[in-house]
ModelCIF file with pLDDT and N, C-alpha, C, O atoms, coordinates in Angstrom:
data_MODEL
#
_entry.id   MODEL 
#
_entity.id                         1 
_entity.type                       polymer 
_entity.pdbx_number_of_molecules   1 
#
_entity_poly.entity_id                      1 
_entity_poly.type                           'polypeptide(L)' 
_entity_poly.nstd_linkage                   no 
_entity_poly.nstd_monomer                   no 
_entity_poly.pdbx_seq_one_letter_code       SVAKLEKLIYPVGFYHDKARHLKALPDVLDEKFGGVLPNTVEELCE 
_entity_poly.pdbx_seq_one_letter_code_can   SVAKLEKLIYPVGFYHDKARHLKALPDVLDEKFGGVLPNTVEELCE 
_entity_poly.pdbx_strand_id                 A 
#
loop_
_entity_poly_seq.entity_id 
_entity_poly_seq.num 
_entity_poly_seq.mon_id 
_entity_poly_seq.hetero 
1 1  SER n 
1 2  VAL n 
1 3  ALA n 
1 4  LYS n 
1 5  LEU n 
1 6  GLU n 
1 7  LYS n 
1 8  LEU n 
1 9  ILE n 
1 10 TYR n 
1 11 PRO n 
1 12 VAL n 
1 13 GLY n 
1 14 PHE n 
1 15 TYR n 
1 16 HIS n 
1 17 ASP n 
1 18 LYS n 
1 19 ALA n 
1 20 ARG n 
1 21 HIS n 
1 22 LEU n 
1 23 LYS n 
1 24 ALA n 
1 25 LEU n 
1 26 PRO n 
1 27 ASP n 
1 28 VAL n 
1 29 LEU n 
1 30 ASP n 
1 31 GLU n 
1 32 LYS n 
1 33 PHE n 
1 34 GLY n 
1 35 GLY n 
1 36 VAL n 
1 37 LEU n 
1 38 PRO n 
1 39 ASN n 
1 40 THR n 
1 41 VAL n 
1 42 GLU n 
1 43 GLU n 
1 44 LEU n 
1 45 CYS n 
1 46 GLU n 
#
_struct_asym.id          A 
_struct_asym.entity_id   1 
#
loop_
_ma_qa_metric.id 
_ma_qa_metric.mode 
_ma_qa_metric.name 
_ma_qa_metric.software_group_id 
_ma_qa_metric.type 
1 global pLDDT . pLDDT 
2 local  pLDDT . pLDDT 
#
_ma_qa_metric_global.metric_id      1 
_ma_qa_metric_global.metric_value   97.87 
_ma_qa_metric_global.model_id       1 
_ma_qa_metric_global.ordinal_id     1 
#
loop_
_ma_qa_metric_local.label_asym_id 
_ma_qa_metric_local.label_comp_id 
_ma_qa_metric_local.label_seq_id 
_ma_qa_metric_local.metric_id 
_ma_qa_metric_local.metric_value 
_ma_qa_metric_local.model_id 
_ma_qa_metric_local.ordinal_id 
A SER 1  2 98.00 1 1  
A VAL 2  2 98.00 1 2  
A ALA 3  2 98.00 1 3  
A LYS 4  2 98.00 1 4  
A LEU 5  2 98.00 1 5  
A GLU 6  2 98.00 1 6  
A LYS 7  2 98.00 1 7  
A LEU 8  2 98.00 1 8  
A ILE 9  2 98.00 1 9  
A TYR 10 2 98.00 1 10 
A PRO 11 2 97.00 1 11 
A VAL 12 2 97.00 1 12 
A GLY 13 2 96.00 1 13 
A PHE 14 2 97.00 1 14 
A TYR 15 2 98.00 1 15 
A HIS 16 2 98.00 1 16 
A ASP 17 2 98.00 1 17 
A LYS 18 2 98.00 1 18 
A ALA 19 2 98.00 1 19 
A ARG 20 2 98.00 1 20 
A HIS 21 2 98.00 1 21 
A LEU 22 2 98.00 1 22 
A LYS 23 2 98.00 1 23 
A ALA 24 2 98.00 1 24 
A LEU 25 2 98.00 1 25 
A PRO 26 2 98.00 1 26 
A ASP 27 2 98.00 1 27 
A VAL 28 2 98.00 1 28 
A LEU 29 2 98.00 1 29 
A ASP 30 2 98.00 1 30 
A GLU 31 2 98.00 1 31 
A LYS 32 2 98.00 1 32 
A PHE 33 2 98.00 1 33 
A GLY 34 2 98.00 1 34 
A GLY 35 2 97.00 1 35 
A VAL 36 2 98.00 1 36 
A LEU 37 2 98.00 1 37 
A PRO 38 2 98.00 1 38 
A ASN 39 2 98.00 1 39 
A THR 40 2 98.00 1 40 
A VAL 41 2 98.00 1 41 
A GLU 42 2 98.00 1 42 
A GLU 43 2 98.00 1 43 
A LEU 44 2 98.00 1 44 
A CYS 45 2 98.00 1 45 
A GLU 46 2 98.00 1 46 
#
loop_
_atom_site.group_PDB 
_atom_site.id 
_atom_site.type_symbol 
_atom_site.label_atom_id 
_atom_site.label_alt_id 
_atom_site.label_comp_id 
_atom_site.label_asym_id 
_atom_site.label_entity_id 
_atom_site.label_seq_id 
_atom_site.pdbx_PDB_ins_code 
_atom_site.Cartn_x 
_atom_site.Cartn_y 
_atom_site.Cartn_z 
_atom_site.occupancy 
_atom_site.B_iso_or_equiv 
_atom_site.pdbx_formal_charge 
_atom_site.auth_seq_id 
_atom_site.auth_comp_id 
_atom_site.auth_asym_id 
_atom_site.auth_atom_id 
_atom_site.pdbx_PDB_model_num 
ATOM 1   N N  . SER A 1 1  ? 76.487 15.011 -4.242  1.00 98.00 ? 1  SER A N  1 
ATOM 2   C CA . SER A 1 1  ? 75.123 14.781 -4.723  1.00 98.00 ? 1  SER A CA 1 
ATOM 3   C C  . SER A 1 1  ? 75.007 13.367 -5.276  1.00 98.00 ? 1  SER A C  1 
ATOM 4   O O  . SER A 1 1  ? 76.011 12.714 -5.561  1.00 98.00 ? 1  SER A O  1 
ATOM 5   N N  . VAL A 1 2  ? 73.763 12.902 -5.425  1.00 98.00 ? 2  VAL A N  1 
ATOM 6   C CA . VAL A 1 2  ? 73.548 11.582 -6.019  1.00 98.00 ? 2  VAL A CA 1 
ATOM 7   C C  . VAL A 1 2  ? 74.107 11.548 -7.435  1.00 98.00 ? 2  VAL A C  1 
ATOM 8   O O  . VAL A 1 2  ? 74.724 10.563 -7.840  1.00 98.00 ? 2  VAL A O  1 
ATOM 9   N N  . ALA A 1 3  ? 73.892 12.627 -8.189  1.00 98.00 ? 3  ALA A N  1 
ATOM 10  C CA . ALA A 1 3  ? 74.405 12.682 -9.564  1.00 98.00 ? 3  ALA A CA 1 
ATOM 11  C C  . ALA A 1 3  ? 75.924 12.588 -9.595  1.00 98.00 ? 3  ALA A C  1 
ATOM 12  O O  . ALA A 1 3  ? 76.489 11.898 -10.443 1.00 98.00 ? 3  ALA A O  1 
ATOM 13  N N  . LYS A 1 4  ? 76.585 13.280 -8.673  1.00 98.00 ? 4  LYS A N  1 
ATOM 14  C CA . LYS A 1 4  ? 78.043 13.228 -8.611  1.00 98.00 ? 4  LYS A CA 1 
ATOM 15  C C  . LYS A 1 4  ? 78.511 11.833 -8.205  1.00 98.00 ? 4  LYS A C  1 
ATOM 16  O O  . LYS A 1 4  ? 79.486 11.318 -8.752  1.00 98.00 ? 4  LYS A O  1 
ATOM 17  N N  . LEU A 1 5  ? 77.820 11.226 -7.251  1.00 98.00 ? 5  LEU A N  1 
ATOM 18  C CA . LEU A 1 5  ? 78.173 9.875  -6.824  1.00 98.00 ? 5  LEU A CA 1 
ATOM 19  C C  . LEU A 1 5  ? 78.033 8.887  -7.982  1.00 98.00 ? 5  LEU A C  1 
ATOM 20  O O  . LEU A 1 5  ? 78.887 8.022  -8.179  1.00 98.00 ? 5  LEU A O  1 
ATOM 21  N N  . GLU A 1 6  ? 76.965 9.023  -8.733  1.00 98.00 ? 6  GLU A N  1 
ATOM 22  C CA . GLU A 1 6  ? 76.769 8.138  -9.887  1.00 98.00 ? 6  GLU A CA 1 
ATOM 23  C C  . GLU A 1 6  ? 77.927 8.280  -10.875 1.00 98.00 ? 6  GLU A C  1 
ATOM 24  O O  . GLU A 1 6  ? 78.432 7.286  -11.397 1.00 98.00 ? 6  GLU A O  1 
ATOM 25  N N  . LYS A 1 7  ? 78.337 9.506  -11.122 1.00 98.00 ? 7  LYS A N  1 
ATOM 26  C CA . LYS A 1 7  ? 79.437 9.746  -12.060 1.00 98.00 ? 7  LYS A CA 1 
ATOM 27  C C  . LYS A 1 7  ? 80.747 9.148  -11.546 1.00 98.00 ? 7  LYS A C  1 
ATOM 28  O O  . LYS A 1 7  ? 81.528 8.601  -12.325 1.00 98.00 ? 7  LYS A O  1 
ATOM 29  N N  . LEU A 1 8  ? 80.987 9.251  -10.249 1.00 98.00 ? 8  LEU A N  1 
ATOM 30  C CA . LEU A 1 8  ? 82.234 8.749  -9.664  1.00 98.00 ? 8  LEU A CA 1 
ATOM 31  C C  . LEU A 1 8  ? 82.314 7.230  -9.667  1.00 98.00 ? 8  LEU A C  1 
ATOM 32  O O  . LEU A 1 8  ? 83.382 6.665  -9.900  1.00 98.00 ? 8  LEU A O  1 
ATOM 33  N N  . ILE A 1 9  ? 81.186 6.561  -9.407  1.00 98.00 ? 9  ILE A N  1 
ATOM 34  C CA . ILE A 1 9  ? 81.244 5.101  -9.238  1.00 98.00 ? 9  ILE A CA 1 
ATOM 35  C C  . ILE A 1 9  ? 80.900 4.329  -10.513 1.00 98.00 ? 9  ILE A C  1 
ATOM 36  O O  . ILE A 1 9  ? 81.149 3.126  -10.586 1.00 98.00 ? 9  ILE A O  1 
ATOM 37  N N  . TYR A 1 10 ? 80.334 4.999  -11.514 1.00 98.00 ? 10 TYR A N  1 
ATOM 38  C CA . TYR A 1 10 ? 80.056 4.319  -12.778 1.00 98.00 ? 10 TYR A CA 1 
ATOM 39  C C  . TYR A 1 10 ? 81.344 3.715  -13.343 1.00 98.00 ? 10 TYR A C  1 
ATOM 40  O O  . TYR A 1 10 ? 82.374 4.388  -13.302 1.00 98.00 ? 10 TYR A O  1 
ATOM 41  N N  . PRO A 1 11 ? 81.346 2.468  -13.875 1.00 97.00 ? 11 PRO A N  1 
ATOM 42  C CA . PRO A 1 11 ? 80.212 1.620  -14.225 1.00 97.00 ? 11 PRO A CA 1 
ATOM 43  C C  . PRO A 1 11 ? 80.005 0.423  -13.276 1.00 97.00 ? 11 PRO A C  1 
ATOM 44  O O  . PRO A 1 11 ? 79.702 -0.667 -13.761 1.00 97.00 ? 11 PRO A O  1 
ATOM 45  N N  . VAL A 1 12 ? 80.153 0.572  -11.974 1.00 97.00 ? 12 VAL A N  1 
ATOM 46  C CA . VAL A 1 12 ? 79.888 -0.557 -11.088 1.00 97.00 ? 12 VAL A CA 1 
ATOM 47  C C  . VAL A 1 12 ? 78.443 -1.011 -11.263 1.00 97.00 ? 12 VAL A C  1 
ATOM 48  O O  . VAL A 1 12 ? 77.586 -0.225 -11.666 1.00 97.00 ? 12 VAL A O  1 
ATOM 49  N N  . GLY A 1 13 ? 78.176 -2.264 -10.965 1.00 96.00 ? 13 GLY A N  1 
ATOM 50  C CA . GLY A 1 13 ? 76.831 -2.789 -11.087 1.00 96.00 ? 13 GLY A CA 1 
ATOM 51  C C  . GLY A 1 13 ? 75.848 -2.046 -10.197 1.00 96.00 ? 13 GLY A C  1 
ATOM 52  O O  . GLY A 1 13 ? 76.155 -1.720 -9.051  1.00 96.00 ? 13 GLY A O  1 
ATOM 53  N N  . PHE A 1 14 ? 74.639 -1.774 -10.749 1.00 97.00 ? 14 PHE A N  1 
ATOM 54  C CA . PHE A 1 14 ? 73.566 -1.106 -9.998  1.00 97.00 ? 14 PHE A CA 1 
ATOM 55  C C  . PHE A 1 14 ? 74.031 0.246  -9.423  1.00 97.00 ? 14 PHE A C  1 
ATOM 56  O O  . PHE A 1 14 ? 73.720 0.587  -8.282  1.00 97.00 ? 14 PHE A O  1 
ATOM 57  N N  . TYR A 1 15 ? 74.768 0.990  -10.224 1.00 98.00 ? 15 TYR A N  1 
ATOM 58  C CA . TYR A 1 15 ? 75.373 2.222  -9.703  1.00 98.00 ? 15 TYR A CA 1 
ATOM 59  C C  . TYR A 1 15 ? 74.336 3.264  -9.296  1.00 98.00 ? 15 TYR A C  1 
ATOM 60  O O  . TYR A 1 15 ? 74.598 4.073  -8.406  1.00 98.00 ? 15 TYR A O  1 
ATOM 61  N N  . HIS A 1 16 ? 73.145 3.260  -9.943  1.00 98.00 ? 16 HIS A N  1 
ATOM 62  C CA . HIS A 1 16 ? 72.099 4.193  -9.527  1.00 98.00 ? 16 HIS A CA 1 
ATOM 63  C C  . HIS A 1 16 ? 71.685 3.918  -8.077  1.00 98.00 ? 16 HIS A C  1 
ATOM 64  O O  . HIS A 1 16 ? 71.632 4.827  -7.250  1.00 98.00 ? 16 HIS A O  1 
ATOM 65  N N  . ASP A 1 17 ? 71.395 2.655  -7.791  1.00 98.00 ? 17 ASP A N  1 
ATOM 66  C CA . ASP A 1 17 ? 70.985 2.270  -6.435  1.00 98.00 ? 17 ASP A CA 1 
ATOM 67  C C  . ASP A 1 17 ? 72.103 2.513  -5.428  1.00 98.00 ? 17 ASP A C  1 
ATOM 68  O O  . ASP A 1 17 ? 71.857 3.023  -4.334  1.00 98.00 ? 17 ASP A O  1 
ATOM 69  N N  . LYS A 1 18 ? 73.315 2.153  -5.790  1.00 98.00 ? 18 LYS A N  1 
ATOM 70  C CA . LYS A 1 18 ? 74.443 2.314  -4.861  1.00 98.00 ? 18 LYS A CA 1 
ATOM 71  C C  . LYS A 1 18 ? 74.698 3.781  -4.549  1.00 98.00 ? 18 LYS A C  1 
ATOM 72  O O  . LYS A 1 18 ? 75.039 4.120  -3.416  1.00 98.00 ? 18 LYS A O  1 
ATOM 73  N N  . ALA A 1 19 ? 74.537 4.662  -5.542  1.00 98.00 ? 19 ALA A N  1 
ATOM 74  C CA . ALA A 1 19 ? 74.716 6.097  -5.302  1.00 98.00 ? 19 ALA A CA 1 
ATOM 75  C C  . ALA A 1 19 ? 73.680 6.595  -4.296  1.00 98.00 ? 19 ALA A C  1 
ATOM 76  O O  . ALA A 1 19 ? 74.007 7.380  -3.406  1.00 98.00 ? 19 ALA A O  1 
ATOM 77  N N  . ARG A 1 20 ? 72.436 6.143  -4.435  1.00 98.00 ? 20 ARG A N  1 
ATOM 78  C CA . ARG A 1 20 ? 71.387 6.546  -3.498  1.00 98.00 ? 20 ARG A CA 1 
ATOM 79  C C  . ARG A 1 20 ? 71.690 6.027  -2.085  1.00 98.00 ? 20 ARG A C  1 
ATOM 80  O O  . ARG A 1 20 ? 71.505 6.745  -1.103  1.00 98.00 ? 20 ARG A O  1 
ATOM 81  N N  . HIS A 1 21 ? 72.154 4.778  -1.994  1.00 98.00 ? 21 HIS A N  1 
ATOM 82  C CA . HIS A 1 21 ? 72.484 4.202  -0.688  1.00 98.00 ? 21 HIS A CA 1 
ATOM 83  C C  . HIS A 1 21 ? 73.633 4.973  -0.030  1.00 98.00 ? 21 HIS A C  1 
ATOM 84  O O  . HIS A 1 21 ? 73.584 5.269  1.164   1.00 98.00 ? 21 HIS A O  1 
ATOM 85  N N  . LEU A 1 22 ? 74.657 5.291  -0.809  1.00 98.00 ? 22 LEU A N  1 
ATOM 86  C CA . LEU A 1 22 ? 75.804 6.018  -0.256  1.00 98.00 ? 22 LEU A CA 1 
ATOM 87  C C  . LEU A 1 22 ? 75.403 7.420  0.195   1.00 98.00 ? 22 LEU A C  1 
ATOM 88  O O  . LEU A 1 22 ? 75.880 7.906  1.221   1.00 98.00 ? 22 LEU A O  1 
ATOM 89  N N  . LYS A 1 23 ? 74.533 8.065  -0.568  1.00 98.00 ? 23 LYS A N  1 
ATOM 90  C CA . LYS A 1 23 ? 74.071 9.408  -0.191  1.00 98.00 ? 23 LYS A CA 1 
ATOM 91  C C  . LYS A 1 23 ? 73.305 9.364  1.129   1.00 98.00 ? 23 LYS A C  1 
ATOM 92  O O  . LYS A 1 23 ? 73.432 10.274 1.948   1.00 98.00 ? 23 LYS A O  1 
ATOM 93  N N  . ALA A 1 24 ? 72.511 8.313  1.340   1.00 98.00 ? 24 ALA A N  1 
ATOM 94  C CA . ALA A 1 24 ? 71.701 8.196  2.555   1.00 98.00 ? 24 ALA A CA 1 
ATOM 95  C C  . ALA A 1 24 ? 72.510 7.706  3.751   1.00 98.00 ? 24 ALA A C  1 
ATOM 96  O O  . ALA A 1 24 ? 72.105 7.906  4.897   1.00 98.00 ? 24 ALA A O  1 
ATOM 97  N N  . LEU A 1 25 ? 73.633 7.076  3.497   1.00 98.00 ? 25 LEU A N  1 
ATOM 98  C CA . LEU A 1 25 ? 74.393 6.412  4.554   1.00 98.00 ? 25 LEU A CA 1 
ATOM 99  C C  . LEU A 1 25 ? 74.762 7.324  5.728   1.00 98.00 ? 25 LEU A C  1 
ATOM 100 O O  . LEU A 1 25 ? 74.521 6.932  6.870   1.00 98.00 ? 25 LEU A O  1 
ATOM 101 N N  . PRO A 1 26 ? 75.332 8.517  5.518   1.00 98.00 ? 26 PRO A N  1 
ATOM 102 C CA . PRO A 1 26 ? 75.721 9.345  6.659   1.00 98.00 ? 26 PRO A CA 1 
ATOM 103 C C  . PRO A 1 26 ? 74.548 9.709  7.573   1.00 98.00 ? 26 PRO A C  1 
ATOM 104 O O  . PRO A 1 26 ? 74.682 9.678  8.797   1.00 98.00 ? 26 PRO A O  1 
ATOM 105 N N  . ASP A 1 27 ? 73.387 10.057 6.974   1.00 98.00 ? 27 ASP A N  1 
ATOM 106 C CA . ASP A 1 27 ? 72.237 10.446 7.784   1.00 98.00 ? 27 ASP A CA 1 
ATOM 107 C C  . ASP A 1 27 ? 71.685 9.274  8.577   1.00 98.00 ? 27 ASP A C  1 
ATOM 108 O O  . ASP A 1 27 ? 71.345 9.425  9.750   1.00 98.00 ? 27 ASP A O  1 
ATOM 109 N N  . VAL A 1 28 ? 71.592 8.111  7.954   1.00 98.00 ? 28 VAL A N  1 
ATOM 110 C CA . VAL A 1 28 ? 71.098 6.930  8.669   1.00 98.00 ? 28 VAL A CA 1 
ATOM 111 C C  . VAL A 1 28 ? 72.068 6.542  9.778   1.00 98.00 ? 28 VAL A C  1 
ATOM 112 O O  . VAL A 1 28 ? 71.646 6.143  10.863  1.00 98.00 ? 28 VAL A O  1 
ATOM 113 N N  . LEU A 1 29 ? 73.353 6.656  9.510   1.00 98.00 ? 29 LEU A N  1 
ATOM 114 C CA . LEU A 1 29 ? 74.364 6.353  10.522  1.00 98.00 ? 29 LEU A CA 1 
ATOM 115 C C  . LEU A 1 29 ? 74.205 7.284  11.727  1.00 98.00 ? 29 LEU A C  1 
ATOM 116 O O  . LEU A 1 29 ? 74.325 6.845  12.871  1.00 98.00 ? 29 LEU A O  1 
ATOM 117 N N  . ASP A 1 30 ? 73.940 8.549  11.474  1.00 98.00 ? 30 ASP A N  1 
ATOM 118 C CA . ASP A 1 30 ? 73.709 9.504  12.563  1.00 98.00 ? 30 ASP A CA 1 
ATOM 119 C C  . ASP A 1 30 ? 72.444 9.168  13.343  1.00 98.00 ? 30 ASP A C  1 
ATOM 120 O O  . ASP A 1 30 ? 72.446 9.147  14.574  1.00 98.00 ? 30 ASP A O  1 
ATOM 121 N N  . GLU A 1 31 ? 71.365 8.907  12.610  1.00 98.00 ? 31 GLU A N  1 
ATOM 122 C CA . GLU A 1 31 ? 70.070 8.678  13.244  1.00 98.00 ? 31 GLU A CA 1 
ATOM 123 C C  . GLU A 1 31 ? 70.047 7.411  14.100  1.00 98.00 ? 31 GLU A C  1 
ATOM 124 O O  . GLU A 1 31 ? 69.497 7.409  15.201  1.00 98.00 ? 31 GLU A O  1 
ATOM 125 N N  . LYS A 1 32 ? 70.640 6.344  13.592  1.00 98.00 ? 32 LYS A N  1 
ATOM 126 C CA . LYS A 1 32 ? 70.550 5.053  14.275  1.00 98.00 ? 32 LYS A CA 1 
ATOM 127 C C  . LYS A 1 32 ? 71.687 4.801  15.260  1.00 98.00 ? 32 LYS A C  1 
ATOM 128 O O  . LYS A 1 32 ? 71.491 4.147  16.284  1.00 98.00 ? 32 LYS A O  1 
ATOM 129 N N  . PHE A 1 33 ? 72.876 5.320  14.951  1.00 98.00 ? 33 PHE A N  1 
ATOM 130 C CA . PHE A 1 33 ? 74.053 4.934  15.740  1.00 98.00 ? 33 PHE A CA 1 
ATOM 131 C C  . PHE A 1 33 ? 74.903 6.115  16.189  1.00 98.00 ? 33 PHE A C  1 
ATOM 132 O O  . PHE A 1 33 ? 76.069 5.942  16.543  1.00 98.00 ? 33 PHE A O  1 
ATOM 133 N N  . GLY A 1 34 ? 74.335 7.299  16.177  1.00 98.00 ? 34 GLY A N  1 
ATOM 134 C CA . GLY A 1 34 ? 75.064 8.471  16.646  1.00 98.00 ? 34 GLY A CA 1 
ATOM 135 C C  . GLY A 1 34 ? 76.315 8.767  15.851  1.00 98.00 ? 34 GLY A C  1 
ATOM 136 O O  . GLY A 1 34 ? 77.265 9.345  16.380  1.00 98.00 ? 34 GLY A O  1 
ATOM 137 N N  . GLY A 1 35 ? 76.329 8.378  14.582  1.00 97.00 ? 35 GLY A N  1 
ATOM 138 C CA . GLY A 1 35 ? 77.474 8.647  13.721  1.00 97.00 ? 35 GLY A CA 1 
ATOM 139 C C  . GLY A 1 35 ? 78.623 7.677  13.864  1.00 97.00 ? 35 GLY A C  1 
ATOM 140 O O  . GLY A 1 35 ? 79.648 7.823  13.198  1.00 97.00 ? 35 GLY A O  1 
ATOM 141 N N  . VAL A 1 36 ? 78.463 6.670  14.741  1.00 98.00 ? 36 VAL A N  1 
ATOM 142 C CA . VAL A 1 36 ? 79.535 5.697  14.970  1.00 98.00 ? 36 VAL A CA 1 
ATOM 143 C C  . VAL A 1 36 ? 79.188 4.400  14.242  1.00 98.00 ? 36 VAL A C  1 
ATOM 144 O O  . VAL A 1 36 ? 78.123 3.828  14.475  1.00 98.00 ? 36 VAL A O  1 
ATOM 145 N N  . LEU A 1 37 ? 80.071 3.936  13.369  1.00 98.00 ? 37 LEU A N  1 
ATOM 146 C CA . LEU A 1 37 ? 79.814 2.715  12.613  1.00 98.00 ? 37 LEU A CA 1 
ATOM 147 C C  . LEU A 1 37 ? 79.763 1.511  13.544  1.00 98.00 ? 37 LEU A C  1 
ATOM 148 O O  . LEU A 1 37 ? 80.736 1.258  14.254  1.00 98.00 ? 37 LEU A O  1 
ATOM 149 N N  . PRO A 1 38 ? 78.665 0.759  13.567  1.00 98.00 ? 38 PRO A N  1 
ATOM 150 C CA . PRO A 1 38 ? 78.581 -0.411 14.447  1.00 98.00 ? 38 PRO A CA 1 
ATOM 151 C C  . PRO A 1 38 ? 79.449 -1.552 13.945  1.00 98.00 ? 38 PRO A C  1 
ATOM 152 O O  . PRO A 1 38 ? 79.831 -1.587 12.775  1.00 98.00 ? 38 PRO A O  1 
ATOM 153 N N  . ASN A 1 39 ? 79.759 -2.488 14.840  1.00 98.00 ? 39 ASN A N  1 
ATOM 154 C CA . ASN A 1 39 ? 80.643 -3.593 14.453  1.00 98.00 ? 39 ASN A CA 1 
ATOM 155 C C  . ASN A 1 39 ? 79.969 -4.953 14.549  1.00 98.00 ? 39 ASN A C  1 
ATOM 156 O O  . ASN A 1 39 ? 80.648 -5.973 14.669  1.00 98.00 ? 39 ASN A O  1 
ATOM 157 N N  . THR A 1 40 ? 78.636 -4.979 14.497  1.00 98.00 ? 40 THR A N  1 
ATOM 158 C CA . THR A 1 40 ? 77.927 -6.258 14.468  1.00 98.00 ? 40 THR A CA 1 
ATOM 159 C C  . THR A 1 40 ? 77.180 -6.398 13.151  1.00 98.00 ? 40 THR A C  1 
ATOM 160 O O  . THR A 1 40 ? 76.766 -5.405 12.553  1.00 98.00 ? 40 THR A O  1 
ATOM 161 N N  . VAL A 1 41 ? 77.012 -7.626 12.709  1.00 98.00 ? 41 VAL A N  1 
ATOM 162 C CA . VAL A 1 41 ? 76.324 -7.890 11.446  1.00 98.00 ? 41 VAL A CA 1 
ATOM 163 C C  . VAL A 1 41 ? 74.897 -7.369 11.486  1.00 98.00 ? 41 VAL A C  1 
ATOM 164 O O  . VAL A 1 41 ? 74.440 -6.724 10.542  1.00 98.00 ? 41 VAL A O  1 
ATOM 165 N N  . GLU A 1 42 ? 74.195 -7.646 12.575  1.00 98.00 ? 42 GLU A N  1 
ATOM 166 C CA . GLU A 1 42 ? 72.792 -7.264 12.672  1.00 98.00 ? 42 GLU A CA 1 
ATOM 167 C C  . GLU A 1 42 ? 72.614 -5.752 12.598  1.00 98.00 ? 42 GLU A C  1 
ATOM 168 O O  . GLU A 1 42 ? 71.704 -5.274 11.921  1.00 98.00 ? 42 GLU A O  1 
ATOM 169 N N  . GLU A 1 43 ? 73.462 -4.997 13.280  1.00 98.00 ? 43 GLU A N  1 
ATOM 170 C CA . GLU A 1 43 ? 73.349 -3.534 13.252  1.00 98.00 ? 43 GLU A CA 1 
ATOM 171 C C  . GLU A 1 43 ? 73.755 -2.967 11.896  1.00 98.00 ? 43 GLU A C  1 
ATOM 172 O O  . GLU A 1 43 ? 73.108 -2.049 11.391  1.00 98.00 ? 43 GLU A O  1 
ATOM 173 N N  . LEU A 1 44 ? 74.803 -3.496 11.312  1.00 98.00 ? 44 LEU A N  1 
ATOM 174 C CA . LEU A 1 44 ? 75.234 -3.012 9.997   1.00 98.00 ? 44 LEU A CA 1 
ATOM 175 C C  . LEU A 1 44 ? 74.147 -3.217 8.945   1.00 98.00 ? 44 LEU A C  1 
ATOM 176 O O  . LEU A 1 44 ? 74.015 -2.417 8.019   1.00 98.00 ? 44 LEU A O  1 
ATOM 177 N N  . CYS A 1 45 ? 73.375 -4.282 9.088   1.00 98.00 ? 45 CYS A N  1 
ATOM 178 C CA . CYS A 1 45 ? 72.307 -4.556 8.122   1.00 98.00 ? 45 CYS A CA 1 
ATOM 179 C C  . CYS A 1 45 ? 71.178 -3.533 8.190   1.00 98.00 ? 45 CYS A C  1 
ATOM 180 O O  . CYS A 1 45 ? 70.295 -3.538 7.332   1.00 98.00 ? 45 CYS A O  1 
ATOM 181 N N  . GLU A 1 46 ? 71.190 -2.659 9.190   1.00 98.00 ? 46 GLU A N  1 
ATOM 182 C CA . GLU A 1 46 ? 70.202 -1.588 9.278   1.00 98.00 ? 46 GLU A CA 1 
ATOM 183 C C  . GLU A 1 46 ? 70.582 -0.390 8.411   1.00 98.00 ? 46 GLU A C  1 
ATOM 184 O O  . GLU A 1 46 ? 69.853 0.601  8.373   1.00 98.00 ? 46 GLU A O  1 
#
């Protein structure tokens, strides 16, 4: 969960935002790249 992620990564900078980004990462990776991490700068920035 986002709450669990926040607890795990605290006190890194902007940990609230980073927890939300990490929570969303798997779904966005599936939607945009079929679950495969891209290896170009432009695609990773998505």
